[in-house]
Amino acid sequence: MSSNSLISNLNNTHFLGLAIDSALSWKDHMAELSTKLSKACYAIRTVKPFMTFNVLRTVYFSYFHSLLSYGIVFWGNSHPSANIFKIQKRIIRIITNKGKRYSCRQLFKTLQILTVPSQYIFLLLVFVIKNKGLFTTNSEIHNINT
């Protein structure tokens, strides 16, 4: 490779299953994730007549939740994540056989499922605890400055 090689600028790329754009807006990733989660909603709606409530909850965690949780520490605080939360509420209503306007607040508690924002916070805390050696505390900063 010569020293005069040009490096092309990409507006977006896929890396380890995450669609990353140059502005880190996560719009492309949210669009792809929305499609996958909508397919999960359809799948659960299709098998629902043949499954018990507990099996549907298990299917939720194995299919929907696994898609939802992957990479959430990166995209969970982005503005487009609100659309993902809407899809999560849709699947909760499907599982519990509730209408579109039914409040999901109690349903999340009954199913013992964390909302998208809560799942983001939880997994972020897990990341910080597992990697606490990467972070400095205020006392360490104070000791460095003195």
N, C-alpha and C. Protein backbone atom coordinates (compact mmCIF):
# COMPACT_ATOMS: atom_id res chain seq x y z
N MET A 1 0.85 -1.18 0.00
CA MET A 1 0.00 0.00 0.00
C MET A 1 0.89 1.24 0.00
N SER A 2 0.63 2.12 -0.91
CA SER A 2 1.45 3.32 -0.99
C SER A 2 0.96 4.38 -0.01
N SER A 3 1.81 5.32 0.28
CA SER A 3 1.46 6.39 1.21
C SER A 3 0.48 7.38 0.61
N ASN A 4 0.21 7.29 -0.70
CA ASN A 4 -0.71 8.20 -1.37
C ASN A 4 -2.10 7.60 -1.56
N SER A 5 -2.41 6.52 -0.88
CA SER A 5 -3.71 5.87 -1.03
C SER A 5 -4.81 6.73 -0.44
N LEU A 6 -5.94 6.72 -1.10
CA LEU A 6 -7.11 7.47 -0.61
C LEU A 6 -7.95 6.56 0.28
N ILE A 7 -8.45 7.13 1.32
CA ILE A 7 -9.38 6.42 2.21
C ILE A 7 -10.76 6.97 1.91
N SER A 8 -11.66 6.09 1.54
CA SER A 8 -13.01 6.56 1.19
C SER A 8 -13.82 6.82 2.45
N ASN A 9 -14.68 7.80 2.35
CA ASN A 9 -15.55 8.18 3.45
C ASN A 9 -16.88 7.45 3.29
N LEU A 10 -17.32 6.74 4.32
CA LEU A 10 -18.59 6.03 4.29
C LEU A 10 -19.61 6.77 5.16
N ASN A 11 -20.83 6.84 4.67
CA ASN A 11 -21.89 7.44 5.47
C ASN A 11 -22.43 6.47 6.50
N ASN A 12 -22.38 5.17 6.18
CA ASN A 12 -22.82 4.17 7.15
C ASN A 12 -22.12 2.84 6.86
N THR A 13 -22.10 2.01 7.90
CA THR A 13 -21.49 0.69 7.78
C THR A 13 -22.12 -0.25 8.79
N HIS A 14 -21.93 -1.52 8.60
CA HIS A 14 -22.38 -2.52 9.56
C HIS A 14 -21.16 -3.07 10.28
N PHE A 15 -21.25 -3.13 11.59
CA PHE A 15 -20.16 -3.66 12.38
C PHE A 15 -20.74 -4.47 13.52
N LEU A 16 -20.43 -5.76 13.54
CA LEU A 16 -20.91 -6.67 14.57
C LEU A 16 -22.43 -6.60 14.77
N GLY A 17 -23.16 -6.51 13.69
CA GLY A 17 -24.61 -6.50 13.76
C GLY A 17 -25.25 -5.16 14.04
N LEU A 18 -24.45 -4.12 14.13
CA LEU A 18 -24.97 -2.78 14.37
C LEU A 18 -24.78 -1.94 13.12
N ALA A 19 -25.84 -1.23 12.72
CA ALA A 19 -25.75 -0.31 11.58
C ALA A 19 -25.34 1.05 12.13
N ILE A 20 -24.13 1.45 11.80
CA ILE A 20 -23.57 2.68 12.35
C ILE A 20 -23.45 3.71 11.24
N ASP A 21 -24.00 4.91 11.46
CA ASP A 21 -23.87 5.97 10.46
C ASP A 21 -22.85 7.00 10.94
N SER A 22 -22.44 7.86 10.04
CA SER A 22 -21.36 8.82 10.33
C SER A 22 -21.74 9.82 11.42
N ALA A 23 -23.04 10.05 11.63
CA ALA A 23 -23.48 10.99 12.65
C ALA A 23 -23.86 10.30 13.97
N LEU A 24 -23.74 8.98 14.02
CA LEU A 24 -24.15 8.17 15.17
C LEU A 24 -25.60 8.48 15.58
N SER A 25 -26.46 8.64 14.60
CA SER A 25 -27.87 8.92 14.89
C SER A 25 -28.66 7.63 15.13
N TRP A 26 -28.14 6.50 14.69
CA TRP A 26 -28.74 5.18 14.85
C TRP A 26 -30.04 5.00 14.08
N LYS A 27 -30.36 5.90 13.14
CA LYS A 27 -31.59 5.80 12.37
C LYS A 27 -31.63 4.53 11.53
N ASP A 28 -30.52 4.21 10.87
CA ASP A 28 -30.48 3.00 10.05
C ASP A 28 -30.63 1.75 10.90
N HIS A 29 -29.95 1.75 12.04
CA HIS A 29 -30.05 0.58 12.92
C HIS A 29 -31.47 0.43 13.46
N MET A 30 -32.09 1.54 13.84
CA MET A 30 -33.46 1.49 14.36
C MET A 30 -34.44 1.00 13.29
N ALA A 31 -34.22 1.39 12.04
CA ALA A 31 -35.09 0.93 10.95
C ALA A 31 -34.95 -0.58 10.77
N GLU A 32 -33.72 -1.08 10.79
CA GLU A 32 -33.51 -2.52 10.66
C GLU A 32 -34.07 -3.28 11.85
N LEU A 33 -33.85 -2.75 13.05
CA LEU A 33 -34.35 -3.39 14.26
C LEU A 33 -35.87 -3.37 14.30
N SER A 34 -36.48 -2.29 13.86
CA SER A 34 -37.95 -2.21 13.81
C SER A 34 -38.53 -3.30 12.92
N THR A 35 -37.89 -3.54 11.78
CA THR A 35 -38.35 -4.59 10.87
C THR A 35 -38.27 -5.95 11.55
N LYS A 36 -37.15 -6.23 12.20
CA LYS A 36 -36.96 -7.51 12.88
C LYS A 36 -37.96 -7.69 14.02
N LEU A 37 -38.18 -6.63 14.80
CA LEU A 37 -39.10 -6.72 15.93
C LEU A 37 -40.55 -6.84 15.47
N SER A 38 -40.88 -6.20 14.35
CA SER A 38 -42.23 -6.34 13.79
C SER A 38 -42.47 -7.77 13.33
N LYS A 39 -41.44 -8.40 12.79
CA LYS A 39 -41.56 -9.81 12.40
C LYS A 39 -41.76 -10.69 13.63
N ALA A 40 -41.11 -10.33 14.73
CA ALA A 40 -41.30 -11.07 15.98
C ALA A 40 -42.73 -10.90 16.49
N CYS A 41 -43.28 -9.70 16.36
CA CYS A 41 -44.69 -9.47 16.74
C CYS A 41 -45.62 -10.37 15.93
N TYR A 42 -45.36 -10.43 14.63
CA TYR A 42 -46.18 -11.27 13.75
C TYR A 42 -46.06 -12.74 14.16
N ALA A 43 -44.85 -13.17 14.43
CA ALA A 43 -44.64 -14.57 14.81
C ALA A 43 -45.37 -14.91 16.10
N ILE A 44 -45.30 -14.04 17.08
CA ILE A 44 -45.99 -14.30 18.35
C ILE A 44 -47.50 -14.25 18.17
N ARG A 45 -47.98 -13.33 17.35
CA ARG A 45 -49.42 -13.26 17.08
C ARG A 45 -49.89 -14.55 16.39
N THR A 46 -49.05 -15.10 15.52
CA THR A 46 -49.41 -16.30 14.77
C THR A 46 -49.46 -17.54 15.67
N VAL A 47 -48.50 -17.69 16.58
CA VAL A 47 -48.45 -18.89 17.43
C VAL A 47 -49.27 -18.75 18.71
N LYS A 48 -49.74 -17.56 19.00
CA LYS A 48 -50.46 -17.30 20.24
C LYS A 48 -51.63 -18.25 20.51
N PRO A 49 -52.47 -18.58 19.51
CA PRO A 49 -53.60 -19.47 19.80
C PRO A 49 -53.18 -20.88 20.26
N PHE A 50 -51.96 -21.25 20.00
CA PHE A 50 -51.50 -22.60 20.30
C PHE A 50 -50.61 -22.66 21.53
N MET A 51 -50.36 -21.53 22.17
CA MET A 51 -49.41 -21.48 23.27
C MET A 51 -50.08 -21.00 24.56
N THR A 52 -49.50 -21.43 25.67
CA THR A 52 -49.95 -20.93 26.96
C THR A 52 -49.29 -19.56 27.21
N PHE A 53 -49.79 -18.88 28.20
CA PHE A 53 -49.25 -17.57 28.56
C PHE A 53 -47.76 -17.67 28.89
N ASN A 54 -47.36 -18.67 29.68
CA ASN A 54 -45.96 -18.81 30.08
C ASN A 54 -45.06 -19.12 28.89
N VAL A 55 -45.55 -19.90 27.94
CA VAL A 55 -44.76 -20.20 26.75
C VAL A 55 -44.60 -18.94 25.90
N LEU A 56 -45.66 -18.15 25.77
CA LEU A 56 -45.57 -16.89 25.03
C LEU A 56 -44.53 -15.96 25.65
N ARG A 57 -44.50 -15.92 26.98
CA ARG A 57 -43.51 -15.09 27.67
C ARG A 57 -42.10 -15.60 27.37
N THR A 58 -41.94 -16.90 27.35
CA THR A 58 -40.64 -17.49 27.03
C THR A 58 -40.24 -17.17 25.59
N VAL A 59 -41.20 -17.25 24.67
CA VAL A 59 -40.93 -16.91 23.27
C VAL A 59 -40.56 -15.43 23.16
N TYR A 60 -41.23 -14.58 23.93
CA TYR A 60 -40.88 -13.16 23.95
C TYR A 60 -39.41 -12.98 24.29
N PHE A 61 -38.96 -13.62 25.36
CA PHE A 61 -37.57 -13.44 25.79
C PHE A 61 -36.58 -14.05 24.81
N SER A 62 -36.93 -15.18 24.24
CA SER A 62 -35.97 -15.83 23.33
C SER A 62 -35.89 -15.15 21.97
N TYR A 63 -36.97 -14.56 21.52
CA TYR A 63 -36.99 -13.97 20.19
C TYR A 63 -36.90 -12.44 20.26
N PHE A 64 -37.93 -11.81 20.78
CA PHE A 64 -38.03 -10.36 20.78
C PHE A 64 -36.97 -9.71 21.67
N HIS A 65 -36.89 -10.16 22.90
CA HIS A 65 -35.99 -9.55 23.88
C HIS A 65 -34.52 -9.68 23.48
N SER A 66 -34.16 -10.80 22.89
CA SER A 66 -32.77 -10.98 22.47
C SER A 66 -32.40 -9.99 21.37
N LEU A 67 -33.32 -9.74 20.44
CA LEU A 67 -33.08 -8.72 19.40
C LEU A 67 -33.01 -7.33 20.01
N LEU A 68 -33.94 -7.06 20.90
CA LEU A 68 -34.04 -5.75 21.55
C LEU A 68 -32.79 -5.41 22.36
N SER A 69 -32.26 -6.35 23.07
CA SER A 69 -31.15 -6.10 24.00
C SER A 69 -29.80 -5.97 23.32
N TYR A 70 -29.65 -6.54 22.13
CA TYR A 70 -28.33 -6.54 21.50
C TYR A 70 -27.90 -5.11 21.14
N GLY A 71 -26.82 -4.67 21.72
CA GLY A 71 -26.26 -3.35 21.42
C GLY A 71 -27.01 -2.19 22.03
N ILE A 72 -27.94 -2.46 22.92
CA ILE A 72 -28.78 -1.38 23.48
C ILE A 72 -27.93 -0.36 24.25
N VAL A 73 -26.79 -0.75 24.79
CA VAL A 73 -25.95 0.22 25.51
C VAL A 73 -25.44 1.30 24.57
N PHE A 74 -25.42 1.03 23.26
CA PHE A 74 -24.98 2.03 22.29
C PHE A 74 -26.13 2.89 21.80
N TRP A 75 -27.25 2.27 21.43
CA TRP A 75 -28.34 3.01 20.79
C TRP A 75 -29.51 3.32 21.73
N GLY A 76 -29.50 2.81 22.95
CA GLY A 76 -30.65 2.93 23.85
C GLY A 76 -31.05 4.33 24.24
N ASN A 77 -30.13 5.27 24.16
CA ASN A 77 -30.44 6.65 24.55
C ASN A 77 -30.71 7.54 23.34
N SER A 78 -30.74 6.96 22.15
CA SER A 78 -30.97 7.76 20.94
C SER A 78 -32.46 8.06 20.78
N HIS A 79 -32.75 9.13 20.08
CA HIS A 79 -34.14 9.54 19.87
C HIS A 79 -34.98 8.47 19.17
N PRO A 80 -34.47 7.78 18.14
CA PRO A 80 -35.30 6.77 17.46
C PRO A 80 -35.66 5.56 18.32
N SER A 81 -35.06 5.43 19.50
CA SER A 81 -35.40 4.29 20.35
C SER A 81 -36.84 4.36 20.85
N ALA A 82 -37.47 5.53 20.78
CA ALA A 82 -38.87 5.66 21.17
C ALA A 82 -39.76 4.79 20.28
N ASN A 83 -39.39 4.64 19.02
CA ASN A 83 -40.17 3.78 18.12
C ASN A 83 -40.04 2.32 18.52
N ILE A 84 -38.88 1.93 19.01
CA ILE A 84 -38.67 0.56 19.46
C ILE A 84 -39.54 0.29 20.68
N PHE A 85 -39.65 1.28 21.56
CA PHE A 85 -40.51 1.14 22.74
C PHE A 85 -41.97 0.95 22.33
N LYS A 86 -42.41 1.62 21.29
CA LYS A 86 -43.78 1.45 20.79
C LYS A 86 -44.01 0.02 20.30
N ILE A 87 -43.03 -0.53 19.62
CA ILE A 87 -43.15 -1.91 19.14
C ILE A 87 -43.15 -2.87 20.34
N GLN A 88 -42.36 -2.57 21.36
CA GLN A 88 -42.36 -3.41 22.55
C GLN A 88 -43.74 -3.39 23.22
N LYS A 89 -44.37 -2.22 23.29
CA LYS A 89 -45.71 -2.15 23.87
C LYS A 89 -46.71 -2.93 23.02
N ARG A 90 -46.52 -2.90 21.70
CA ARG A 90 -47.40 -3.66 20.82
C ARG A 90 -47.33 -5.15 21.13
N ILE A 91 -46.12 -5.68 21.29
CA ILE A 91 -46.00 -7.11 21.54
C ILE A 91 -46.53 -7.49 22.93
N ILE A 92 -46.39 -6.59 23.89
CA ILE A 92 -46.93 -6.83 25.23
C ILE A 92 -48.46 -6.93 25.15
N ARG A 93 -49.06 -6.06 24.35
CA ARG A 93 -50.52 -6.11 24.18
C ARG A 93 -50.95 -7.37 23.44
N ILE A 94 -50.14 -7.82 22.50
CA ILE A 94 -50.45 -9.06 21.79
C ILE A 94 -50.44 -10.23 22.76
N ILE A 95 -49.40 -10.32 23.56
CA ILE A 95 -49.27 -11.43 24.51
C ILE A 95 -50.42 -11.45 25.51
N THR A 96 -50.82 -10.27 25.98
CA THR A 96 -51.85 -10.19 27.02
C THR A 96 -53.26 -10.00 26.45
N ASN A 97 -53.36 -9.97 25.12
CA ASN A 97 -54.67 -9.85 24.46
C ASN A 97 -55.39 -8.55 24.82
N LYS A 98 -54.66 -7.45 24.83
CA LYS A 98 -55.23 -6.14 25.13
C LYS A 98 -55.29 -5.29 23.87
N GLY A 99 -56.16 -4.28 23.89
CA GLY A 99 -56.33 -3.41 22.74
C GLY A 99 -55.22 -2.39 22.59
N LYS A 100 -55.24 -1.69 21.45
CA LYS A 100 -54.19 -0.72 21.11
C LYS A 100 -54.08 0.43 22.10
N ARG A 101 -55.18 0.80 22.72
CA ARG A 101 -55.17 1.96 23.62
C ARG A 101 -55.01 1.57 25.09
N TYR A 102 -54.88 0.28 25.36
CA TYR A 102 -54.75 -0.18 26.75
C TYR A 102 -53.37 0.20 27.29
N SER A 103 -53.31 0.74 28.50
CA SER A 103 -52.04 1.14 29.11
C SER A 103 -51.20 -0.10 29.43
N CYS A 104 -49.95 -0.04 29.08
CA CYS A 104 -49.04 -1.18 29.29
C CYS A 104 -48.33 -1.13 30.63
N ARG A 105 -48.49 -0.07 31.38
CA ARG A 105 -47.74 0.10 32.62
C ARG A 105 -47.86 -1.13 33.53
N GLN A 106 -49.07 -1.56 33.81
CA GLN A 106 -49.27 -2.71 34.69
C GLN A 106 -48.90 -4.02 33.99
N LEU A 107 -49.05 -4.07 32.67
CA LEU A 107 -48.73 -5.28 31.93
C LEU A 107 -47.24 -5.62 32.02
N PHE A 108 -46.39 -4.58 31.96
CA PHE A 108 -44.94 -4.81 32.11
C PHE A 108 -44.64 -5.41 33.49
N LYS A 109 -45.32 -4.90 34.52
CA LYS A 109 -45.11 -5.42 35.87
C LYS A 109 -45.60 -6.86 35.98
N THR A 110 -46.77 -7.14 35.42
CA THR A 110 -47.34 -8.49 35.48
C THR A 110 -46.44 -9.49 34.78
N LEU A 111 -45.94 -9.12 33.61
CA LEU A 111 -45.08 -10.01 32.83
C LEU A 111 -43.64 -10.03 33.34
N GLN A 112 -43.32 -9.13 34.24
CA GLN A 112 -41.96 -8.97 34.76
C GLN A 112 -40.96 -8.74 33.62
N ILE A 113 -41.31 -7.77 32.77
CA ILE A 113 -40.49 -7.38 31.62
C ILE A 113 -40.10 -5.92 31.79
N LEU A 114 -38.83 -5.63 31.58
CA LEU A 114 -38.37 -4.25 31.64
C LEU A 114 -38.72 -3.52 30.34
N THR A 115 -39.09 -2.25 30.47
CA THR A 115 -39.32 -1.42 29.29
C THR A 115 -37.99 -1.15 28.60
N VAL A 116 -38.04 -0.67 27.37
CA VAL A 116 -36.82 -0.34 26.63
C VAL A 116 -35.93 0.63 27.43
N PRO A 117 -36.48 1.76 27.95
CA PRO A 117 -35.61 2.66 28.73
C PRO A 117 -35.02 1.98 29.97
N SER A 118 -35.82 1.18 30.66
CA SER A 118 -35.33 0.48 31.86
C SER A 118 -34.28 -0.56 31.50
N GLN A 119 -34.48 -1.25 30.39
CA GLN A 119 -33.51 -2.25 29.94
C GLN A 119 -32.19 -1.57 29.58
N TYR A 120 -32.27 -0.41 28.95
CA TYR A 120 -31.06 0.36 28.62
C TYR A 120 -30.29 0.73 29.88
N ILE A 121 -30.98 1.27 30.87
CA ILE A 121 -30.33 1.68 32.12
C ILE A 121 -29.73 0.47 32.82
N PHE A 122 -30.49 -0.62 32.90
CA PHE A 122 -30.01 -1.83 33.55
C PHE A 122 -28.73 -2.35 32.90
N LEU A 123 -28.75 -2.50 31.58
CA LEU A 123 -27.58 -3.05 30.89
C LEU A 123 -26.39 -2.08 30.91
N LEU A 124 -26.67 -0.79 30.96
CA LEU A 124 -25.59 0.18 31.11
C LEU A 124 -24.93 0.04 32.48
N LEU A 125 -25.74 -0.14 33.51
CA LEU A 125 -25.19 -0.36 34.85
C LEU A 125 -24.39 -1.65 34.93
N VAL A 126 -24.90 -2.71 34.30
CA VAL A 126 -24.17 -3.98 34.26
C VAL A 126 -22.81 -3.78 33.58
N PHE A 127 -22.80 -3.03 32.47
CA PHE A 127 -21.54 -2.76 31.77
C PHE A 127 -20.56 -2.01 32.67
N VAL A 128 -21.03 -0.99 33.37
CA VAL A 128 -20.16 -0.20 34.24
C VAL A 128 -19.61 -1.07 35.36
N ILE A 129 -20.45 -1.90 35.97
CA ILE A 129 -19.99 -2.76 37.06
C ILE A 129 -18.95 -3.76 36.57
N LYS A 130 -19.19 -4.37 35.41
CA LYS A 130 -18.25 -5.35 34.87
C LYS A 130 -16.94 -4.70 34.44
N ASN A 131 -16.97 -3.42 34.10
CA ASN A 131 -15.79 -2.73 33.59
C ASN A 131 -15.38 -1.55 34.47
N LYS A 132 -15.59 -1.67 35.77
CA LYS A 132 -15.32 -0.52 36.64
C LYS A 132 -13.86 -0.11 36.64
N GLY A 133 -12.97 -0.98 36.25
CA GLY A 133 -11.56 -0.62 36.15
C GLY A 133 -11.27 0.37 35.04
N LEU A 134 -12.19 0.53 34.10
CA LEU A 134 -12.01 1.48 33.01
C LEU A 134 -12.36 2.91 33.39
N PHE A 135 -13.00 3.07 34.54
CA PHE A 135 -13.50 4.37 34.94
C PHE A 135 -12.72 4.89 36.14
N THR A 136 -12.55 6.19 36.22
CA THR A 136 -11.90 6.79 37.38
C THR A 136 -12.96 7.39 38.28
N THR A 137 -12.68 7.37 39.56
CA THR A 137 -13.60 7.96 40.53
C THR A 137 -13.17 9.38 40.83
N ASN A 138 -14.03 10.13 41.49
CA ASN A 138 -13.70 11.50 41.86
C ASN A 138 -12.50 11.54 42.80
N SER A 139 -12.40 10.56 43.70
CA SER A 139 -11.27 10.55 44.64
C SER A 139 -9.97 10.30 43.89
N GLU A 140 -9.98 9.48 42.85
CA GLU A 140 -8.77 9.24 42.06
C GLU A 140 -8.36 10.50 41.32
N ILE A 141 -9.31 11.22 40.79
CA ILE A 141 -9.02 12.48 40.09
C ILE A 141 -8.45 13.50 41.08
N HIS A 142 -9.03 13.56 42.29
CA HIS A 142 -8.53 14.48 43.30
C HIS A 142 -7.09 14.16 43.67
N ASN A 143 -6.77 12.87 43.82
CA ASN A 143 -5.41 12.46 44.18
C ASN A 143 -4.40 12.81 43.08
N ILE A 144 -4.85 12.74 41.82
CA ILE A 144 -3.97 13.07 40.70
C ILE A 144 -3.68 14.57 40.68
N ASN A 145 -4.69 15.37 40.98
CA ASN A 145 -4.54 16.83 40.93
C ASN A 145 -3.75 17.39 42.11
N THR A 146 -3.61 16.65 43.22
CA THR A 146 -2.91 17.19 44.39
C THR A 146 -1.48 16.78 44.44
